[in-house]
Amino acid sequence: MTSSAFDIAILGAGPVGRVLALMLARVAPDPARIALLAGSAPAPVTPAAAVPAADPRVLAMNHGSRVLLESLHAWPERSADIRNIHVSQRGRLGRTLIQNTDFGVPQLGSVVAYSGLYAKLDECVAACGVSVLAGPPAQIGMQDADGVRIQQGDTEILCGVAVQSDGAGATDVRRDYDQHAVLTTAHATLPRRGWAWERFTSEGPLALLPHPQTPDAYSVVWCSAPDRAAELAALDNVAFSHALTQAFGDRLGRLTSHAPRHVFPLALSARRAQVHGRVAAIGNAAQTLHPVAGQGLNLGLRDAARLAQTLTGWLARPGANPGPALAEFASARHLDRFITAGLTDFMPRIFATGLAPVEHACGAALLGMDLASPMRAPLAQHLLQGFRA
């Protein structure tokens, strides 16, 4: 068995873990003392992944996340801007339109392909000087006053601070939405560049996001009951396209989909505390949210940014106790996590009660926000950049 020592070890090399590594590398006296435990090397991105039908995974990045990634020179080459967000409810009156001009920003957010963002982050991490350790999934062992012990295959790693960013372990709070998401790509006969759509139905929210690879393509996230999701996934392309157009409406003309469909169960899972001793959890390791409003990754990136900020002073003296810095991080992130998780938990449930008075009240709320900018400003501001303490 071999052993090695680092100041900080990051377990998990998804977008959130990689962004944290990049931010820490900028302030660390010796970036090589930061370990990014990447697990097994991922399969290389093939040219086919650039085609929406081949890889429908996209990420909705809000304005704050784009600014962060651009500051790290980690913004992918291809993206689709969101300048307008249209929120409506199927079968009921009321809608809300949020526009970038309300806030004086070039875009409210952008959509990027997962493969494109991953490749760009991989390139940046390779050049930043941190130690990337590929291997079996790492496990956190014991911790004491000297640090944290981590096991990665036959290697034991000792570090001053461990950061879980591997998407596992958020089980303190859990809610099963009894919904599955159908993920695919569709084309519109009347596309509207710069528009994103969130349409609430009695089955669950239906989102259409502009796809970064093709101007008339949209990434579809269609949430519904598990049986209904399985039924939608099994339809032939013609029947699915017809069902999608019926559910969404005619704002984009006729929607057609010839792409594969992927189905995922939806649940809220979260840790009550992001810090345990010398171990911090960020991103999906701290909370996994319903995909409504696309807030999960944006919240995780705010976790990473705040943790890097609070650990900057400690990195200059890594032999000191990191407890005060980690406590500051947990305190600073509490309200943002609470608001964002509450918002994404409330919306898909309140719009899918099936109760007419509740649905009419939701429609009235959407109409009120549309007519009075002070009513929609808090929601729009949170979608734009989240809460920053």
Protein backbone atom coordinates (compact mmCIF):
# COMPACT_ATOMS: atom_id res chain seq x y z
CA MET A 1 0.00 0.00 0.00
CA THR A 2 1.24 3.50 -0.87
CA SER A 3 0.42 6.72 0.96
CA SER A 4 0.54 10.41 0.13
CA ALA A 5 -0.33 13.70 1.85
CA PHE A 6 -2.15 16.78 0.60
CA ASP A 7 -3.61 19.96 2.05
CA ILE A 8 -7.04 19.42 0.45
CA ALA A 9 -8.52 16.36 -1.25
CA ILE A 10 -11.60 16.73 -3.46
CA LEU A 11 -13.56 13.51 -3.92
CA GLY A 12 -15.36 13.68 -7.25
CA ALA A 13 -14.31 15.37 -10.49
CA GLY A 14 -17.60 16.50 -11.96
CA PRO A 15 -18.12 20.17 -12.86
CA VAL A 16 -18.46 21.32 -9.23
CA GLY A 17 -15.36 19.46 -8.03
CA ARG A 18 -13.31 20.70 -10.98
CA VAL A 19 -14.39 24.31 -10.47
CA LEU A 20 -13.38 24.08 -6.81
CA ALA A 21 -9.98 22.69 -7.85
CA LEU A 22 -9.47 25.57 -10.29
CA MET A 23 -10.40 28.20 -7.71
CA LEU A 24 -8.17 26.69 -5.03
CA ALA A 25 -5.26 26.40 -7.47
CA ARG A 26 -5.38 30.17 -7.94
CA VAL A 27 -4.84 30.91 -4.25
CA ALA A 28 -2.79 27.93 -3.07
CA PRO A 29 0.94 28.49 -2.47
CA ASP A 30 1.51 25.06 -4.06
CA PRO A 31 -1.39 23.84 -6.27
CA ALA A 32 0.14 20.34 -6.33
CA ARG A 33 -0.86 20.06 -2.65
CA ILE A 34 -4.51 19.95 -3.81
CA ALA A 35 -5.66 16.49 -4.87
CA LEU A 36 -8.58 15.95 -7.24
CA LEU A 37 -9.68 12.32 -6.90
CA ALA A 38 -11.15 11.76 -10.30
CA GLY A 39 -11.96 8.05 -10.13
CA SER A 40 -11.55 6.03 -13.30
CA ALA A 41 -10.72 8.02 -16.39
CA PRO A 42 -13.93 8.83 -18.34
CA ALA A 43 -14.48 7.56 -21.87
CA PRO A 44 -13.15 10.02 -24.44
CA VAL A 45 -15.68 12.42 -25.93
CA THR A 46 -16.40 11.32 -29.48
CA PRO A 47 -17.38 13.64 -32.33
CA ALA A 48 -20.87 12.11 -32.21
CA ALA A 49 -21.36 13.66 -28.78
CA ALA A 50 -21.50 17.05 -30.48
CA VAL A 51 -24.78 16.02 -32.13
CA PRO A 52 -27.85 16.69 -29.92
CA ALA A 53 -29.41 13.32 -30.79
CA ALA A 54 -26.26 11.52 -29.68
CA ASP A 55 -25.94 13.23 -26.28
CA PRO A 56 -29.02 15.17 -25.10
CA ARG A 57 -27.47 16.18 -21.77
CA VAL A 58 -27.34 19.94 -21.41
CA LEU A 59 -26.85 22.23 -18.43
CA ALA A 60 -28.71 25.47 -17.73
CA MET A 61 -26.18 27.95 -16.33
CA ASN A 62 -27.45 31.18 -14.81
CA HIS A 63 -25.73 34.53 -15.28
CA GLY A 64 -23.72 34.20 -12.07
CA SER A 65 -22.38 30.78 -13.04
CA ARG A 66 -21.34 32.03 -16.46
CA VAL A 67 -19.44 34.94 -14.91
CA LEU A 68 -17.67 32.51 -12.57
CA LEU A 69 -16.69 30.09 -15.34
CA GLU A 70 -15.52 32.88 -17.62
CA SER A 71 -13.32 34.21 -14.83
CA LEU A 72 -11.67 30.78 -14.72
CA HIS A 73 -11.35 30.68 -18.54
CA ALA A 74 -13.52 27.57 -18.36
CA TRP A 75 -16.51 28.65 -20.45
CA PRO A 76 -17.07 26.24 -23.39
CA GLU A 77 -16.93 27.55 -26.93
CA ARG A 78 -20.53 26.73 -27.76
CA SER A 79 -23.53 27.89 -25.76
CA ALA A 80 -27.08 29.12 -26.31
CA ASP A 81 -28.05 32.33 -24.54
CA ILE A 82 -31.28 32.67 -22.57
CA ARG A 83 -32.58 36.23 -22.71
CA ASN A 84 -36.23 35.48 -21.97
CA ILE A 85 -37.81 32.95 -19.60
CA HIS A 86 -41.50 32.25 -20.20
CA VAL A 87 -43.35 30.61 -17.28
CA SER A 88 -46.91 29.38 -17.77
CA GLN A 89 -49.47 26.84 -16.59
CA ARG A 90 -51.24 24.52 -18.99
CA GLY A 91 -55.01 24.93 -19.04
CA ARG A 92 -55.07 27.95 -16.72
CA LEU A 93 -54.74 31.69 -17.14
CA GLY A 94 -51.63 33.56 -16.10
CA ARG A 95 -48.06 33.62 -17.22
CA THR A 96 -44.84 35.41 -16.32
CA LEU A 97 -42.11 36.68 -18.63
CA ILE A 98 -38.63 37.37 -17.22
CA GLN A 99 -36.28 39.27 -19.53
CA ASN A 100 -32.60 40.15 -19.42
CA THR A 101 -33.45 43.81 -20.03
CA ASP A 102 -35.09 43.91 -16.61
CA PHE A 103 -31.64 43.54 -15.05
CA GLY A 104 -29.31 45.16 -17.57
CA VAL A 105 -27.39 41.93 -18.30
CA PRO A 106 -26.58 40.44 -21.72
CA GLN A 107 -28.37 37.20 -20.84
CA LEU A 108 -30.24 35.66 -17.93
CA GLY A 109 -28.31 32.47 -18.44
CA SER A 110 -26.96 30.09 -21.03
CA VAL A 111 -27.28 26.45 -21.99
CA VAL A 112 -24.17 24.37 -22.59
CA ALA A 113 -23.66 20.75 -23.56
CA TYR A 114 -22.43 18.63 -20.67
CA SER A 115 -19.73 17.14 -22.89
CA GLY A 116 -18.53 20.61 -23.93
CA LEU A 117 -18.32 21.92 -20.36
CA TYR A 118 -16.61 18.76 -19.12
CA ALA A 119 -13.99 18.92 -21.88
CA LYS A 120 -13.23 22.59 -21.18
CA LEU A 121 -12.93 22.02 -17.43
CA ASP A 122 -10.71 19.00 -18.05
CA GLU A 123 -8.41 21.14 -20.16
CA CYS A 124 -8.24 23.87 -17.50
CA VAL A 125 -7.62 21.45 -14.64
CA ALA A 126 -4.79 19.77 -16.54
CA ALA A 127 -3.04 23.15 -16.82
CA CYS A 128 -3.65 24.51 -13.30
CA GLY A 129 -1.12 22.36 -11.41
CA VAL A 130 -3.37 20.40 -9.05
CA SER A 131 -2.70 16.68 -8.56
CA VAL A 132 -5.31 14.62 -10.42
CA LEU A 133 -5.50 11.08 -9.02
CA ALA A 134 -7.38 8.57 -11.17
CA GLY A 135 -8.39 5.26 -9.67
CA PRO A 136 -11.23 3.43 -7.94
CA PRO A 137 -13.90 5.47 -6.12
CA ALA A 138 -12.39 7.01 -2.98
CA GLN A 139 -13.82 6.50 0.50
CA ILE A 140 -13.41 8.78 3.51
CA GLY A 141 -12.17 6.93 6.57
CA MET A 142 -11.37 8.26 10.00
CA GLN A 143 -10.50 11.85 10.86
CA ASP A 144 -8.70 13.28 13.88
CA ALA A 145 -6.84 16.41 14.94
CA ASP A 146 -4.14 15.75 12.34
CA GLY A 147 -6.41 15.37 9.30
CA VAL A 148 -8.61 13.02 7.29
CA ARG A 149 -7.67 9.60 5.92
CA ILE A 150 -9.02 8.62 2.51
CA GLN A 151 -8.77 5.25 0.81
CA GLN A 152 -8.51 5.09 -2.98
CA GLY A 153 -7.79 1.53 -4.01
CA ASP A 154 -4.37 0.60 -2.62
CA THR A 155 -3.51 4.22 -1.86
CA GLU A 156 -4.09 5.93 1.48
CA ILE A 157 -4.34 9.70 1.31
CA LEU A 158 -3.91 11.97 4.32
CA CYS A 159 -5.26 15.50 3.96
CA GLY A 160 -6.05 18.48 6.13
CA VAL A 161 -9.51 19.01 4.60
CA ALA A 162 -11.60 16.60 2.54
CA VAL A 163 -14.36 17.82 0.22
CA GLN A 164 -17.09 15.47 -0.94
CA SER A 165 -18.20 16.40 -4.43
CA ASP A 166 -19.04 12.93 -5.69
CA GLY A 167 -22.82 13.19 -5.64
CA ALA A 168 -23.24 10.59 -2.91
CA GLY A 169 -24.38 10.69 0.67
CA ALA A 170 -27.07 13.40 0.84
CA THR A 171 -29.68 11.39 2.72
CA ASP A 172 -30.61 13.39 5.85
CA VAL A 173 -33.62 14.96 4.12
CA ARG A 174 -35.38 13.12 1.34
CA ARG A 175 -38.61 13.60 -0.63
CA ASP A 176 -39.74 11.33 -3.45
CA TYR A 177 -41.75 13.41 -5.93
CA ASP A 178 -43.36 10.37 -7.55
CA GLN A 179 -42.19 11.88 -10.82
CA HIS A 180 -39.73 10.78 -13.48
CA ALA A 181 -38.10 13.12 -15.98
CA VAL A 182 -38.02 12.26 -19.67
CA LEU A 183 -34.96 13.86 -21.23
CA THR A 184 -34.64 14.24 -24.99
CA THR A 185 -34.13 16.74 -27.81
CA ALA A 186 -36.80 18.21 -30.09
CA HIS A 187 -36.89 20.53 -33.09
CA ALA A 188 -39.41 23.34 -33.56
CA THR A 189 -40.92 24.62 -36.80
CA LEU A 190 -41.11 28.15 -35.32
CA PRO A 191 -38.04 28.40 -33.06
CA ARG A 192 -37.47 31.55 -30.99
CA ARG A 193 -33.81 32.21 -30.35
CA GLY A 194 -32.93 33.24 -26.82
CA TRP A 195 -36.13 31.91 -25.22
CA ALA A 196 -36.47 29.24 -22.52
CA TRP A 197 -39.81 27.83 -21.47
CA GLU A 198 -41.08 26.42 -18.16
CA ARG A 199 -44.62 25.10 -18.51
CA PHE A 200 -46.37 23.61 -15.51
CA THR A 201 -48.83 20.81 -16.20
CA SER A 202 -50.96 18.63 -13.94
CA GLU A 203 -48.37 15.87 -14.46
CA GLY A 204 -45.35 18.02 -13.61
CA PRO A 205 -43.20 20.75 -15.18
CA LEU A 206 -42.21 20.65 -18.84
CA ALA A 207 -39.11 22.67 -19.77
CA LEU A 208 -37.73 23.50 -23.19
CA LEU A 209 -34.24 25.01 -23.29
CA PRO A 210 -32.44 26.27 -26.40
CA HIS A 211 -29.85 23.70 -27.44
CA PRO A 212 -26.27 24.96 -27.89
CA GLN A 213 -25.54 22.84 -30.97
CA THR A 214 -28.51 23.53 -33.27
CA PRO A 215 -30.51 26.79 -33.57
CA ASP A 216 -33.93 25.16 -33.94
CA ALA A 217 -33.32 22.41 -31.36
CA TYR A 218 -34.52 22.38 -27.77
CA SER A 219 -33.51 20.23 -24.85
CA VAL A 220 -36.68 18.77 -23.34
CA VAL A 221 -37.14 17.92 -19.65
CA TRP A 222 -40.64 16.50 -19.25
CA CYS A 223 -41.63 15.54 -15.71
CA SER A 224 -44.58 13.23 -15.11
CA ALA A 225 -45.74 10.26 -13.06
CA PRO A 226 -43.48 7.20 -13.42
CA ASP A 227 -46.01 5.18 -15.43
CA ARG A 228 -46.66 8.10 -17.74
CA ALA A 229 -42.92 8.71 -18.21
CA ALA A 230 -42.41 5.05 -19.16
CA GLU A 231 -45.30 5.33 -21.60
CA LEU A 232 -43.83 8.47 -23.20
CA ALA A 233 -40.40 6.88 -23.49
CA ALA A 234 -41.89 3.85 -25.29
CA LEU A 235 -43.84 5.84 -27.91
CA ASP A 236 -42.62 5.94 -31.47
CA ASN A 237 -41.21 9.27 -32.66
CA VAL A 238 -44.41 10.42 -34.37
CA ALA A 239 -46.62 9.70 -31.34
CA PHE A 240 -44.13 11.23 -28.92
CA SER A 241 -43.78 14.39 -31.02
CA HIS A 242 -47.57 14.75 -31.14
CA ALA A 243 -47.86 14.30 -27.37
CA LEU A 244 -45.09 16.82 -26.76
CA THR A 245 -46.71 19.44 -29.01
CA GLN A 246 -50.04 18.91 -27.29
CA ALA A 247 -48.55 19.30 -23.81
CA PHE A 248 -46.45 22.34 -24.66
CA GLY A 249 -48.81 24.20 -27.00
CA ASP A 250 -48.20 25.95 -30.29
CA ARG A 251 -45.85 28.78 -29.25
CA LEU A 252 -42.98 27.12 -31.12
CA GLY A 253 -45.09 25.61 -33.88
CA ARG A 254 -44.87 21.84 -34.26
CA LEU A 255 -42.33 19.98 -32.14
CA THR A 256 -40.68 16.86 -33.54
CA SER A 257 -38.27 14.53 -31.80
CA HIS A 258 -36.17 11.75 -33.30
CA ALA A 259 -33.65 11.63 -30.45
CA PRO A 260 -33.25 8.89 -27.84
CA ARG A 261 -35.22 9.37 -24.63
CA HIS A 262 -33.74 8.91 -21.17
CA VAL A 263 -35.82 8.56 -18.01
CA PHE A 264 -34.64 9.57 -14.51
CA PRO A 265 -36.44 9.35 -11.15
CA LEU A 266 -36.77 12.66 -9.31
CA ALA A 267 -36.26 13.23 -5.61
CA LEU A 268 -35.00 15.84 -3.19
CA SER A 269 -32.09 14.69 -1.05
CA ALA A 270 -30.02 16.92 1.17
CA ARG A 271 -27.65 17.01 4.12
CA ARG A 272 -28.72 19.13 7.03
CA ALA A 273 -25.09 20.05 7.70
CA GLN A 274 -22.52 20.66 4.96
CA VAL A 275 -19.59 20.29 7.34
CA HIS A 276 -18.63 17.42 9.62
CA GLY A 277 -15.32 17.99 11.32
CA ARG A 278 -12.73 18.44 8.57
CA VAL A 279 -15.07 17.18 5.83
CA ALA A 280 -17.24 19.51 3.71
CA ALA A 281 -19.88 18.51 1.17
CA ILE A 282 -20.73 20.55 -1.92
CA GLY A 283 -22.88 20.17 -5.03
CA ASN A 284 -24.89 16.97 -5.35
CA ALA A 285 -23.04 15.50 -2.39
CA ALA A 286 -24.75 18.17 -0.28
CA GLN A 287 -28.09 18.41 -2.07
CA THR A 288 -29.85 16.99 -5.13
CA LEU A 289 -32.80 19.07 -6.33
CA HIS A 290 -35.79 18.73 -8.61
CA PRO A 291 -34.74 19.96 -12.09
CA VAL A 292 -37.43 22.68 -12.21
CA ALA A 293 -35.81 26.05 -12.96
CA GLY A 294 -32.43 24.32 -13.50
CA GLN A 295 -30.93 25.34 -10.16
CA GLY A 296 -28.94 22.26 -9.07
CA LEU A 297 -25.57 22.87 -10.74
CA ASN A 298 -25.78 26.63 -10.17
CA LEU A 299 -26.25 26.04 -6.45
CA GLY A 300 -23.31 23.62 -6.44
CA LEU A 301 -21.04 26.15 -8.13
CA ARG A 302 -21.94 28.70 -5.46
CA ASP A 303 -20.96 26.07 -2.88
CA ALA A 304 -17.59 25.69 -4.57
CA ALA A 305 -16.97 29.42 -4.88
CA ARG A 306 -17.75 30.09 -1.23
CA LEU A 307 -15.66 27.17 0.01
CA ALA A 308 -12.65 28.33 -2.02
CA GLN A 309 -13.07 31.82 -0.60
CA THR A 310 -13.23 30.71 3.03
CA LEU A 311 -10.29 28.28 2.69
CA THR A 312 -7.96 30.86 1.12
CA GLY A 313 -6.54 32.05 4.43
CA TRP A 314 -6.19 28.52 5.80
CA LEU A 315 -4.23 27.39 2.71
CA ALA A 316 -1.46 29.81 3.66
CA ARG A 317 -1.12 27.95 6.99
CA PRO A 318 -2.43 24.41 6.34
CA GLY A 319 -1.09 23.16 9.65
CA ALA A 320 -3.68 25.29 11.47
CA ASN A 321 -7.14 24.13 12.49
CA PRO A 322 -9.51 24.52 9.48
CA GLY A 323 -12.56 24.42 11.76
CA PRO A 324 -13.26 28.18 11.85
CA ALA A 325 -13.03 28.49 8.06
CA LEU A 326 -15.31 25.50 7.50
CA ALA A 327 -17.81 26.83 10.05
CA GLU A 328 -17.84 30.17 8.21
CA PHE A 329 -18.51 28.34 4.94
CA ALA A 330 -21.43 26.37 6.38
CA SER A 331 -22.98 29.47 7.90
CA ALA A 332 -22.64 31.49 4.72
CA ARG A 333 -24.27 28.78 2.57
CA HIS A 334 -27.24 28.04 4.83
CA LEU A 335 -29.71 30.63 3.53
CA ASP A 336 -28.98 30.10 -0.17
CA ARG A 337 -29.40 26.34 0.20
CA PHE A 338 -32.64 26.81 2.15
CA ILE A 339 -34.16 29.24 -0.37
CA THR A 340 -33.13 27.31 -3.47
CA ALA A 341 -34.15 23.89 -2.17
CA GLY A 342 -37.43 25.33 -0.90
CA LEU A 343 -38.19 27.01 -4.22
CA THR A 344 -37.46 23.94 -6.35
CA ASP A 345 -39.36 21.72 -3.91
CA PHE A 346 -42.45 23.96 -3.74
CA MET A 347 -43.01 24.74 -7.43
CA PRO A 348 -43.39 21.23 -8.89
CA ARG A 349 -45.71 20.18 -6.06
CA ILE A 350 -48.00 23.23 -5.87
CA PHE A 351 -48.66 23.24 -9.63
CA ALA A 352 -49.45 19.50 -9.72
CA THR A 353 -52.01 19.20 -6.93
CA GLY A 354 -54.88 18.62 -9.37
CA LEU A 355 -57.02 20.98 -7.26
CA ALA A 356 -58.72 23.66 -9.35
CA PRO A 357 -58.68 26.40 -6.63
CA VAL A 358 -54.96 25.89 -6.09
CA GLU A 359 -54.23 25.90 -9.82
CA HIS A 360 -56.26 29.10 -10.29
CA ALA A 361 -54.35 30.69 -7.42
CA CYS A 362 -51.08 29.71 -9.08
CA GLY A 363 -52.28 31.27 -12.32
CA ALA A 364 -53.22 34.45 -10.49
CA ALA A 365 -49.76 34.54 -8.90
CA LEU A 366 -48.10 34.20 -12.31
CA LEU A 367 -50.30 36.98 -13.68
CA GLY A 368 -49.52 39.20 -10.71
CA MET A 369 -45.78 38.72 -11.18
CA ASP A 370 -46.14 39.55 -14.86
CA LEU A 371 -48.08 42.76 -14.22
CA ALA A 372 -45.94 44.02 -11.33
CA SER A 373 -42.17 43.87 -11.69
CA PRO A 374 -41.57 44.23 -7.91
CA MET A 375 -43.45 40.93 -7.45
CA ARG A 376 -41.33 38.97 -9.92
CA ALA A 377 -38.00 40.65 -9.13
CA PRO A 378 -37.08 38.41 -6.14
CA LEU A 379 -37.73 35.21 -8.12
CA ALA A 380 -35.94 36.53 -11.19
CA GLN A 381 -32.97 37.75 -9.16
CA HIS A 382 -32.59 34.33 -7.55
CA LEU A 383 -32.77 32.58 -10.91
CA LEU A 384 -30.17 35.04 -12.20
CA GLN A 385 -27.51 34.53 -9.56
CA GLY A 386 -28.90 32.93 -6.39
CA PHE A 387 -28.46 34.31 -2.90
CA ARG A 388 -24.96 35.41 -2.06
CA ALA A 389 -24.10 36.08 1.55
